[in-house]
Structure formats: C-alpha cells, structure tokens
C-alpha cells in the first residue's frame, strides 16, 4: 500500500499528529489518538481487526474535496 500525506494537525506540536493519509486503494488512513474511554467504546460495535481514533475538529479541513490536490472524493 502506498500512502500520500494529506495533512497533519496544524494545532499539534511537536509532531503534527493526528495525521491524514490517502492510500492507493481509494481509502484514507487517519493517525490519531487512541480512544480508551470505556463509555464511548461501549456505544460502538467495533469488529475484530478494526479500531477507532479520535481527531480534532481542525482536521476536518483535510477531508474537503480538493484539499491538498485531492479531487477524487
């Protein structure tokens, strides 16, 4: 799988995480904070082999059509 960096959290220092990537398989990878809150996890049905990550509102800009040259959404 090839990854294309789309954007890092402009409000996170020093490493810019969370981060959004586009794959060559027509999918997205979001690097973010592991969700460990038991109450939140209790409301989700997460199958084996899957997980969820939390990202801040300021990351939504990277999901807009045309963001960083991504026009295929």
PDB file of N, CA and C in Angstrom:
ATOM      1  N   UNK A   1       0.856  -1.168   0.000  1.00  0.00           N
ATOM      2  CA  UNK A   1       0.000   0.000   0.000  1.00  0.00           C
ATOM      3  C   UNK A   1       0.905   1.234   0.000  1.00  0.00           C
ATOM      4  N   UNK A   2       0.595   2.170  -0.887  1.00  0.00           N
ATOM      5  CA  UNK A   2       1.307   3.445  -0.897  1.00  0.00           C
ATOM      6  C   UNK A   2       0.466   4.497  -0.196  1.00  0.00           C
ATOM      7  N   UNK A   3       1.117   5.340   0.595  1.00  0.00           N
ATOM      8  CA  UNK A   3       0.438   6.410   1.313  1.00  0.00           C
ATOM      9  C   UNK A   3       0.876   7.754   0.765  1.00  0.00           C
ATOM     10  N   UNK A   4      -0.090   8.672   0.687  1.00  0.00           N
ATOM     11  CA  UNK A   4       0.190  10.056   0.350  1.00  0.00           C
ATOM     12  C   UNK A   4      -0.203  10.909   1.539  1.00  0.00           C
ATOM     13  N   UNK A   5       0.743  11.666   2.066  1.00  0.00           N
ATOM     14  CA  UNK A   5       0.467  12.561   3.179  1.00  0.00           C
ATOM     15  C   UNK A   5      -0.501  13.638   2.710  1.00  0.00           C
ATOM     16  N   UNK A   6      -1.589  13.827   3.450  1.00  0.00           N
ATOM     17  CA  UNK A   6      -2.576  14.859   3.123  1.00  0.00           C
ATOM     18  C   UNK A   6      -2.422  16.048   4.051  1.00  0.00           C
ATOM     19  N   UNK A   7      -2.319  15.793   5.348  1.00  0.00           N
ATOM     20  CA  UNK A   7      -2.139  16.902   6.271  1.00  0.00           C
ATOM     21  C   UNK A   7      -1.961  16.434   7.691  1.00  0.00           C
ATOM     22  N   UNK A   8      -1.192  17.221   8.440  1.00  0.00           N
ATOM     23  CA  UNK A   8      -1.019  16.988   9.866  1.00  0.00           C
ATOM     24  C   UNK A   8      -1.754  18.055  10.638  1.00  0.00           C
ATOM     25  N   UNK A   9      -2.100  17.739  11.843  1.00  0.00           N
ATOM     26  CA  UNK A   9      -2.837  18.658  12.698  1.00  0.00           C
ATOM     27  C   UNK A   9      -2.058  19.958  12.879  1.00  0.00           C
ATOM     28  N   UNK A  10      -2.602  21.067  12.370  1.00  0.00           N
ATOM     29  CA  UNK A  10      -1.885  22.338  12.484  1.00  0.00           C
ATOM     30  C   UNK A  10      -1.797  22.852  13.912  1.00  0.00           C
ATOM     31  N   UNK A  11      -2.559  22.266  14.822  1.00  0.00           N
ATOM     32  CA  UNK A  11      -2.532  22.722  16.208  1.00  0.00           C
ATOM     33  C   UNK A  11      -1.790  21.788  17.138  1.00  0.00           C
ATOM     34  N   UNK A  12      -1.094  20.803  16.597  1.00  0.00           N
ATOM     35  CA  UNK A  12      -0.395  19.825  17.420  1.00  0.00           C
ATOM     36  C   UNK A  12       1.105  19.994  17.274  1.00  0.00           C
ATOM     37  N   UNK A  13       1.773  20.066  18.384  1.00  0.00           N
ATOM     38  CA  UNK A  13       3.236  20.169  18.379  1.00  0.00           C
ATOM     39  C   UNK A  13       3.802  19.108  19.304  1.00  0.00           C
ATOM     40  N   UNK A  14       4.941  18.538  19.068  1.00  0.00           N
ATOM     41  CA  UNK A  14       5.877  18.893  18.012  1.00  0.00           C
ATOM     42  C   UNK A  14       5.752  18.037  16.753  1.00  0.00           C
ATOM     43  N   UNK A  15       4.929  16.978  16.778  1.00  0.00           N
ATOM     44  CA  UNK A  15       4.989  16.008  15.682  1.00  0.00           C
ATOM     45  C   UNK A  15       3.844  16.076  14.688  1.00  0.00           C
ATOM     46  N   UNK A  16       2.901  16.980  14.834  1.00  0.00           N
ATOM     47  CA  UNK A  16       1.843  17.142  13.844  1.00  0.00           C
ATOM     48  C   UNK A  16       0.812  16.042  13.809  1.00  0.00           C
ATOM     49  N   UNK A  17       0.725  15.240  14.847  1.00  0.00           N
ATOM     50  CA  UNK A  17      -0.282  14.183  14.892  1.00  0.00           C
ATOM     51  C   UNK A  17      -1.524  14.758  15.560  1.00  0.00           C
ATOM     52  N   UNK A  18      -2.699  14.409  15.162  1.00  0.00           N
ATOM     53  CA  UNK A  18      -3.157  13.452  14.169  1.00  0.00           C
ATOM     54  C   UNK A  18      -2.742  13.828  12.746  1.00  0.00           C
ATOM     55  N   UNK A  19      -2.776  12.826  11.897  1.00  0.00           N
ATOM     56  CA  UNK A  19      -2.353  12.979  10.516  1.00  0.00           C
ATOM     57  C   UNK A  19      -3.315  12.223   9.612  1.00  0.00           C
ATOM     58  N   UNK A  20      -3.542  12.765   8.407  1.00  0.00           N
ATOM     59  CA  UNK A  20      -4.426  12.136   7.432  1.00  0.00           C
ATOM     60  C   UNK A  20      -3.598  11.729   6.210  1.00  0.00           C
ATOM     61  N   UNK A  21      -3.822  10.490   5.747  1.00  0.00           N
ATOM     62  CA  UNK A  21      -3.142   9.965   4.565  1.00  0.00           C
ATOM     63  C   UNK A  21      -4.182   9.434   3.582  1.00  0.00           C
ATOM     64  N   UNK A  22      -3.845   9.468   2.305  1.00  0.00           N
ATOM     65  CA  UNK A  22      -4.656   8.855   1.248  1.00  0.00           C
ATOM     66  C   UNK A  22      -3.876   7.641   0.758  1.00  0.00           C
ATOM     67  N   UNK A  23      -4.573   6.535   0.493  1.00  0.00           N
ATOM     68  CA  UNK A  23      -3.899   5.341   0.008  1.00  0.00           C
ATOM     69  C   UNK A  23      -4.106   5.183  -1.498  1.00  0.00           C
ATOM     70  N   UNK A  24      -3.353   4.282  -2.079  1.00  0.00           N
ATOM     71  CA  UNK A  24      -3.531   3.964  -3.493  1.00  0.00           C
ATOM     72  C   UNK A  24      -4.644   2.931  -3.683  1.00  0.00           C
ATOM     73  N   UNK A  25      -5.384   2.640  -2.602  1.00  0.00           N
ATOM     74  CA  UNK A  25      -6.503   1.689  -2.659  1.00  0.00           C
ATOM     75  C   UNK A  25      -7.839   2.407  -2.481  1.00  0.00           C
ATOM     76  N   UNK A  26      -7.863   3.704  -2.823  1.00  0.00           N
ATOM     77  CA  UNK A  26      -9.083   4.515  -2.694  1.00  0.00           C
ATOM     78  C   UNK A  26      -9.621   4.521  -1.273  1.00  0.00           C
ATOM     79  N   UNK A  27      -8.726   4.716  -0.310  1.00  0.00           N
ATOM     80  CA  UNK A  27      -9.127   4.770   1.092  1.00  0.00           C
ATOM     81  C   UNK A  27      -8.281   5.807   1.824  1.00  0.00           C
ATOM     82  N   UNK A  28      -8.632   6.045   3.060  1.00  0.00           N
ATOM     83  CA  UNK A  28      -7.954   7.011   3.922  1.00  0.00           C
ATOM     84  C   UNK A  28      -7.396   6.304   5.138  1.00  0.00           C
ATOM     85  N   UNK A  29      -6.294   6.803   5.660  1.00  0.00           N
ATOM     86  CA  UNK A  29      -5.777   6.357   6.950  1.00  0.00           C
ATOM     87  C   UNK A  29      -5.672   7.588   7.825  1.00  0.00           C
ATOM     88  N   UNK A  30      -6.216   7.484   9.022  1.00  0.00           N
ATOM     89  CA  UNK A  30      -6.165   8.580   9.972  1.00  0.00           C
ATOM     90  C   UNK A  30      -5.330   8.131  11.165  1.00  0.00           C
ATOM     91  N   UNK A  31      -4.239   8.832  11.383  1.00  0.00           N
ATOM     92  CA  UNK A  31      -3.420   8.603  12.570  1.00  0.00           C
ATOM     93  C   UNK A  31      -3.950   9.555  13.627  1.00  0.00           C
ATOM     94  N   UNK A  32      -4.327   9.026  14.772  1.00  0.00           N
ATOM     95  CA  UNK A  32      -4.911   9.892  15.793  1.00  0.00           C
ATOM     96  C   UNK A  32      -4.769   9.317  17.176  1.00  0.00           C
ATOM     97  N   UNK A  33      -5.481   9.886  18.100  1.00  0.00           N
ATOM     98  CA  UNK A  33      -5.415   9.471  19.492  1.00  0.00           C
ATOM     99  C   UNK A  33      -6.262   8.230  19.703  1.00  0.00           C
ATOM    100  N   UNK A  34      -5.711   7.241  20.359  1.00  0.00           N
ATOM    101  CA  UNK A  34      -6.438   6.010  20.646  1.00  0.00           C
ATOM    102  C   UNK A  34      -7.610   6.333  21.573  1.00  0.00           C
ATOM    103  N   UNK A  35      -8.780   5.830  21.221  1.00  0.00           N
ATOM    104  CA  UNK A  35      -9.960   6.027  22.058  1.00  0.00           C
ATOM    105  C   UNK A  35      -9.948   4.946  23.137  1.00  0.00           C
ATOM    106  N   UNK A  36      -9.857   5.376  24.390  1.00  0.00           N
ATOM    107  CA  UNK A  36      -9.818   4.432  25.508  1.00  0.00           C
ATOM    108  C   UNK A  36     -10.970   4.638  26.483  1.00  0.00           C
ATOM    109  N   UNK A  37     -11.785   5.656  26.250  1.00  0.00           N
ATOM    110  CA  UNK A  37     -12.898   5.954  27.146  1.00  0.00           C
ATOM    111  C   UNK A  37     -13.898   4.803  27.134  1.00  0.00           C
ATOM    112  N   UNK A  38     -14.078   4.096  28.254  1.00  0.00           N
ATOM    113  CA  UNK A  38     -14.966   2.937  28.287  1.00  0.00           C
ATOM    114  C   UNK A  38     -16.404   3.250  27.896  1.00  0.00           C
ATOM    115  N   UNK A  39     -16.907   4.416  28.291  1.00  0.00           N
ATOM    116  CA  UNK A  39     -18.277   4.788  27.955  1.00  0.00           C
ATOM    117  C   UNK A  39     -18.438   4.980  26.449  1.00  0.00           C
ATOM    118  N   UNK A  40     -17.476   5.658  25.831  1.00  0.00           N
ATOM    119  CA  UNK A  40     -17.533   5.857  24.378  1.00  0.00           C
ATOM    120  C   UNK A  40     -17.435   4.519  23.656  1.00  0.00           C
ATOM    121  N   UNK A  41     -16.506   3.677  24.058  1.00  0.00           N
ATOM    122  CA  UNK A  41     -16.325   2.373  23.414  1.00  0.00           C
ATOM    123  C   UNK A  41     -17.548   1.485  23.576  1.00  0.00           C
ATOM    124  N   UNK A  42     -18.267   1.626  24.691  1.00  0.00           N
ATOM    125  CA  UNK A  42     -19.466   0.824  24.933  1.00  0.00           C
ATOM    126  C   UNK A  42     -20.572   1.148  23.938  1.00  0.00           C
ATOM    127  N   UNK A  43     -20.535   2.337  23.351  1.00  0.00           N
ATOM    128  CA  UNK A  43     -21.556   2.754  22.388  1.00  0.00           C
ATOM    129  C   UNK A  43     -21.226   2.342  20.958  1.00  0.00           C
ATOM    130  N   UNK A  44     -20.059   1.733  20.760  1.00  0.00           N
ATOM    131  CA  UNK A  44     -19.634   1.342  19.422  1.00  0.00           C
ATOM    132  C   UNK A  44     -19.550  -0.175  19.316  1.00  0.00           C
ATOM    133  N   UNK A  45     -19.772  -0.671  18.123  1.00  0.00           N
ATOM    134  CA  UNK A  45     -19.624  -2.089  17.845  1.00  0.00           C
ATOM    135  C   UNK A  45     -18.432  -2.231  16.906  1.00  0.00           C
ATOM    136  N   UNK A  46     -17.239  -2.342  17.478  1.00  0.00           N
ATOM    137  CA  UNK A  46     -16.021  -2.376  16.689  1.00  0.00           C
ATOM    138  C   UNK A  46     -15.610  -3.829  16.472  1.00  0.00           C
ATOM    139  N   UNK A  47     -15.661  -4.299  15.233  1.00  0.00           N
ATOM    140  CA  UNK A  47     -15.302  -5.684  14.945  1.00  0.00           C
ATOM    141  C   UNK A  47     -13.813  -5.957  15.160  1.00  0.00           C
ATOM    142  N   UNK A  48     -13.480  -7.226  15.344  1.00  0.00           N
ATOM    143  CA  UNK A  48     -12.094  -7.649  15.462  1.00  0.00           C
ATOM    144  C   UNK A  48     -11.322  -7.172  14.232  1.00  0.00           C
ATOM    145  N   UNK A  49     -10.138  -6.657  14.444  1.00  0.00           N
ATOM    146  CA  UNK A  49      -9.316  -6.175  13.338  1.00  0.00           C
ATOM    147  C   UNK A  49      -9.553  -4.721  12.987  1.00  0.00           C
ATOM    148  N   UNK A  50     -10.473  -4.068  13.668  1.00  0.00           N
ATOM    149  CA  UNK A  50     -10.741  -2.655  13.437  1.00  0.00           C
ATOM    150  C   UNK A  50     -10.511  -1.880  14.723  1.00  0.00           C
ATOM    151  N   UNK A  51     -10.370  -0.584  14.590  1.00  0.00           N
ATOM    152  CA  UNK A  51     -10.212   0.283  15.744  1.00  0.00           C
ATOM    153  C   UNK A  51     -10.809   1.640  15.402  1.00  0.00           C
ATOM    154  N   UNK A  52     -10.764   2.551  16.330  1.00  0.00           N
ATOM    155  CA  UNK A  52     -11.192   3.914  16.068  1.00  0.00           C
ATOM    156  C   UNK A  52     -10.141   4.846  16.654  1.00  0.00           C
ATOM    157  N   UNK A  53     -10.012   6.013  16.055  1.00  0.00           N
ATOM    158  CA  UNK A  53      -9.124   7.036  16.578  1.00  0.00           C
ATOM    159  C   UNK A  53      -9.900   8.329  16.663  1.00  0.00           C
ATOM    160  N   UNK A  54      -9.482   9.197  17.565  1.00  0.00           N
ATOM    161  CA  UNK A  54     -10.131  10.488  17.745  1.00  0.00           C
ATOM    162  C   UNK A  54      -9.271  11.568  17.108  1.00  0.00           C
ATOM    163  N   UNK A  55      -9.903  12.444  16.337  1.00  0.00           N
ATOM    164  CA  UNK A  55      -9.206  13.579  15.742  1.00  0.00           C
ATOM    165  C   UNK A  55      -9.975  14.850  16.088  1.00  0.00           C
ATOM    166  N   UNK A  56      -9.292  15.998  16.160  1.00  0.00           N
ATOM    167  CA  UNK A  56      -9.978  17.242  16.500  1.00  0.00           C
ATOM    168  C   UNK A  56     -10.698  17.846  15.291  1.00  0.00           C
ATOM    169  N   UNK A  57     -11.640  18.740  15.563  1.00  0.00           N
ATOM    170  CA  UNK A  57     -12.393  19.422  14.505  1.00  0.00           C
ATOM    171  C   UNK A  57     -11.482  20.070  13.475  1.00  0.00           C
ATOM    172  N   UNK A  58     -10.331  20.581  13.911  1.00  0.00           N
ATOM    173  CA  UNK A  58      -9.464  21.296  12.981  1.00  0.00           C
ATOM    174  C   UNK A  58      -8.902  20.400  11.878  1.00  0.00           C
ATOM    175  N   UNK A  59      -9.070  19.075  11.986  1.00  0.00           N
ATOM    176  CA  UNK A  59      -8.597  18.146  10.961  1.00  0.00           C
ATOM    177  C   UNK A  59      -9.605  17.968   9.833  1.00  0.00           C
ATOM    178  N   UNK A  60     -10.858  18.390  10.028  1.00  0.00           N
ATOM    179  CA  UNK A  60     -11.912  18.200   9.023  1.00  0.00           C
ATOM    180  C   UNK A  60     -11.528  18.858   7.699  1.00  0.00           C
ATOM    181  N   UNK A  61     -10.749  19.917   7.759  1.00  0.00           N
ATOM    182  CA  UNK A  61     -10.331  20.611   6.537  1.00  0.00           C
ATOM    183  C   UNK A  61      -9.637  19.670   5.550  1.00  0.00           C
ATOM    184  N   UNK A  62      -9.026  18.613   6.026  1.00  0.00           N
ATOM    185  CA  UNK A  62      -8.303  17.700   5.148  1.00  0.00           C
ATOM    186  C   UNK A  62      -9.221  16.690   4.471  1.00  0.00           C
ATOM    187  N   UNK A  63     -10.499  16.706   4.786  1.00  0.00           N
ATOM    188  CA  UNK A  63     -11.459  15.803   4.169  1.00  0.00           C
ATOM    189  C   UNK A  63     -12.332  16.486   3.122  1.00  0.00           C
ATOM    190  N   UNK A  64     -12.139  17.772   2.916  1.00  0.00           N
ATOM    191  CA  UNK A  64     -12.904  18.500   1.907  1.00  0.00           C
ATOM    192  C   UNK A  64     -12.424  18.144   0.513  1.00  0.00           C
ATOM    193  N   UNK A  65     -13.339  18.130  -0.422  1.00  0.00           N
ATOM    194  CA  UNK A  65     -12.972  17.904  -1.813  1.00  0.00           C
ATOM    195  C   UNK A  65     -11.990  18.987  -2.249  1.00  0.00           C
ATOM    196  N   UNK A  66     -10.915  18.547  -2.863  1.00  0.00           N
ATOM    197  CA  UNK A  66      -9.915  19.477  -3.330  1.00  0.00           C
ATOM    198  C   UNK A  66      -8.819  19.777  -2.332  1.00  0.00           C
ATOM    199  N   UNK A  67      -8.927  19.294  -1.097  1.00  0.00           N
ATOM    200  CA  UNK A  67      -7.894  19.552  -0.104  1.00  0.00           C
ATOM    201  C   UNK A  67      -6.568  18.958  -0.551  1.00  0.00           C
ATOM    202  N   UNK A  68      -5.541  19.774  -0.557  1.00  0.00           N
ATOM    203  CA  UNK A  68      -4.194  19.345  -0.941  1.00  0.00           C
ATOM    204  C   UNK A  68      -4.181  18.586  -2.265  1.00  0.00           C
ATOM    205  N   UNK A  69      -5.013  19.006  -3.195  1.00  0.00           N
ATOM    206  CA  UNK A  69      -4.986  18.406  -4.522  1.00  0.00           C
ATOM    207  C   UNK A  69      -5.821  17.144  -4.666  1.00  0.00           C
ATOM    208  N   UNK A  70      -6.532  16.750  -3.629  1.00  0.00           N
ATOM    209  CA  UNK A  70      -7.358  15.542  -3.714  1.00  0.00           C
ATOM    210  C   UNK A  70      -8.706  15.946  -4.322  1.00  0.00           C
ATOM    211  N   UNK A  71      -8.949  15.555  -5.555  1.00  0.00           N
ATOM    212  CA  UNK A  71     -10.178  15.925  -6.247  1.00  0.00           C
ATOM    213  C   UNK A  71     -11.080  14.722  -6.518  1.00  0.00           C
ATOM    214  N   UNK A  72     -10.692  13.544  -6.053  1.00  0.00           N
ATOM    215  CA  UNK A  72     -11.428  12.341  -6.416  1.00  0.00           C
ATOM    216  C   UNK A  72     -12.496  11.942  -5.404  1.00  0.00           C
ATOM    217  N   UNK A  73     -12.761  12.798  -4.433  1.00  0.00           N
ATOM    218  CA  UNK A  73     -13.766  12.434  -3.423  1.00  0.00           C
ATOM    219  C   UNK A  73     -15.168  12.507  -3.982  1.00  0.00           C
TER     220      UNK A  73
END
